[in-house]
Amino acid sequence: MKIDSIAGIGNMVENKGVNAHKGKTTFSEVLKDSIQKAGELEKEADQEAIKLAKMETQDIHNTMIAIEKADLTFQLMMQVRNKIISAYEEIMRMQV
């Protein structure tokens, strides 16, 4: 059984949005791309739930998988946000 990564969480840190300038991406670009992917997963989960509610599909497994992917991605983004805020607060406490 092949286990795929959660719809690109592994790709969130990869160098996908390569600039023409020496092949580097900025932190803000990676962060924006990650937030966009999390939003796409949330929309996909919503669509799957709507299909199930309208009885357009009987596949509850794929619906639950889509919902869990969206949830895990959201939790990951919240932890990244918490670490960024923590780092910012630590920098602000530094003596210059």
Protein backbone atom coordinates (compact mmCIF):
# COMPACT_ATOMS: atom_id res chain seq x y z
CA MET A 1 0.00 0.00 0.00
CA LYS A 2 1.48 3.30 -1.09
CA ILE A 3 1.12 6.21 1.31
CA ASP A 4 1.10 9.60 -0.38
CA SER A 5 2.12 12.78 1.33
CA ILE A 6 -0.74 14.94 2.53
CA ALA A 7 -1.49 16.79 -0.70
CA GLY A 8 1.78 18.57 -0.89
CA ILE A 9 2.81 19.12 2.71
CA GLY A 10 6.14 17.66 1.70
CA ASN A 11 6.17 20.09 -1.20
CA MET A 12 5.61 23.09 1.06
CA VAL A 13 9.29 23.31 1.80
CA GLU A 14 10.51 22.24 -1.61
CA ASN A 15 11.84 24.77 -4.06
CA LYS A 16 8.75 24.85 -6.31
CA GLY A 17 8.32 28.59 -6.92
CA VAL A 18 11.81 29.12 -8.28
CA ASN A 19 12.73 32.69 -9.13
CA ALA A 20 14.83 33.55 -12.14
CA HIS A 21 17.39 34.92 -9.68
CA LYS A 22 19.82 32.10 -8.90
CA GLY A 23 17.02 29.56 -8.28
CA LYS A 24 16.18 30.83 -4.77
CA THR A 25 12.79 31.29 -3.19
CA THR A 26 12.07 33.64 -0.38
CA PHE A 27 10.49 32.63 2.89
CA SER A 28 7.44 34.74 2.13
CA GLU A 29 6.91 32.94 -1.20
CA VAL A 30 7.08 29.54 0.48
CA LEU A 31 4.70 30.72 3.18
CA LYS A 32 2.21 32.15 0.66
CA ASP A 33 2.33 28.95 -1.38
CA SER A 34 1.75 26.85 1.73
CA ILE A 35 -1.23 28.94 2.80
CA GLN A 36 -2.68 28.70 -0.70
CA LYS A 37 -2.34 24.91 -0.71
CA ALA A 38 -4.00 24.70 2.72
CA GLY A 39 -6.89 26.76 1.36
CA GLU A 40 -7.21 24.49 -1.66
CA LEU A 41 -7.35 21.42 0.58
CA GLU A 42 -10.07 23.06 2.67
CA LYS A 43 -12.13 23.80 -0.44
CA GLU A 44 -11.67 20.23 -1.65
CA ALA A 45 -12.83 18.87 1.72
CA ASP A 46 -15.87 21.17 1.63
CA GLN A 47 -16.77 19.95 -1.86
CA GLU A 48 -16.48 16.31 -0.81
CA ALA A 49 -18.69 16.94 2.23
CA ILE A 50 -21.30 18.70 0.08
CA LYS A 51 -21.30 15.80 -2.40
CA LEU A 52 -21.84 13.36 0.45
CA ALA A 53 -24.62 15.47 1.95
CA LYS A 54 -26.40 15.71 -1.42
CA MET A 55 -26.00 11.93 -1.87
CA GLU A 56 -24.04 12.50 -5.08
CA THR A 57 -21.50 10.03 -3.76
CA GLN A 58 -21.60 7.16 -1.29
CA ASP A 59 -17.83 7.18 -0.77
CA ILE A 60 -17.47 8.31 2.83
CA HIS A 61 -13.85 7.13 2.90
CA ASN A 62 -12.63 9.71 0.39
CA THR A 63 -14.68 12.39 2.11
CA MET A 64 -13.11 11.62 5.48
CA ILE A 65 -9.64 11.47 3.94
CA ALA A 66 -10.12 14.90 2.34
CA ILE A 67 -11.38 16.33 5.64
CA GLU A 68 -8.46 14.88 7.58
CA LYS A 69 -5.96 16.18 5.02
CA ALA A 70 -7.42 19.65 5.39
CA ASP A 71 -7.39 19.36 9.19
CA LEU A 72 -3.79 18.16 9.38
CA THR A 73 -2.65 20.85 6.99
CA PHE A 74 -4.43 23.49 9.06
CA GLN A 75 -2.85 22.17 12.26
CA LEU A 76 0.58 22.25 10.63
CA MET A 77 0.05 25.83 9.47
CA MET A 78 -1.01 26.84 12.98
CA GLN A 79 2.15 25.32 14.44
CA VAL A 80 4.28 27.14 11.86
CA ARG A 81 2.47 30.36 12.77
CA ASN A 82 3.13 29.76 16.46
CA LYS A 83 6.83 29.19 15.80
CA ILE A 84 7.06 32.36 13.71
CA ILE A 85 5.39 34.40 16.45
CA SER A 86 7.65 32.84 19.06
CA ALA A 87 10.75 33.68 16.99
CA TYR A 88 9.53 37.24 16.48
CA GLU A 89 8.95 37.69 20.21
CA GLU A 90 12.41 36.31 20.96
CA ILE A 91 13.99 38.75 18.50
CA MET A 92 12.08 41.63 20.05
CA ARG A 93 13.47 40.71 23.51
CA MET A 94 17.06 40.86 22.28
CA GLN A 95 19.26 43.66 23.55
CA VAL A 96 20.77 45.72 20.77
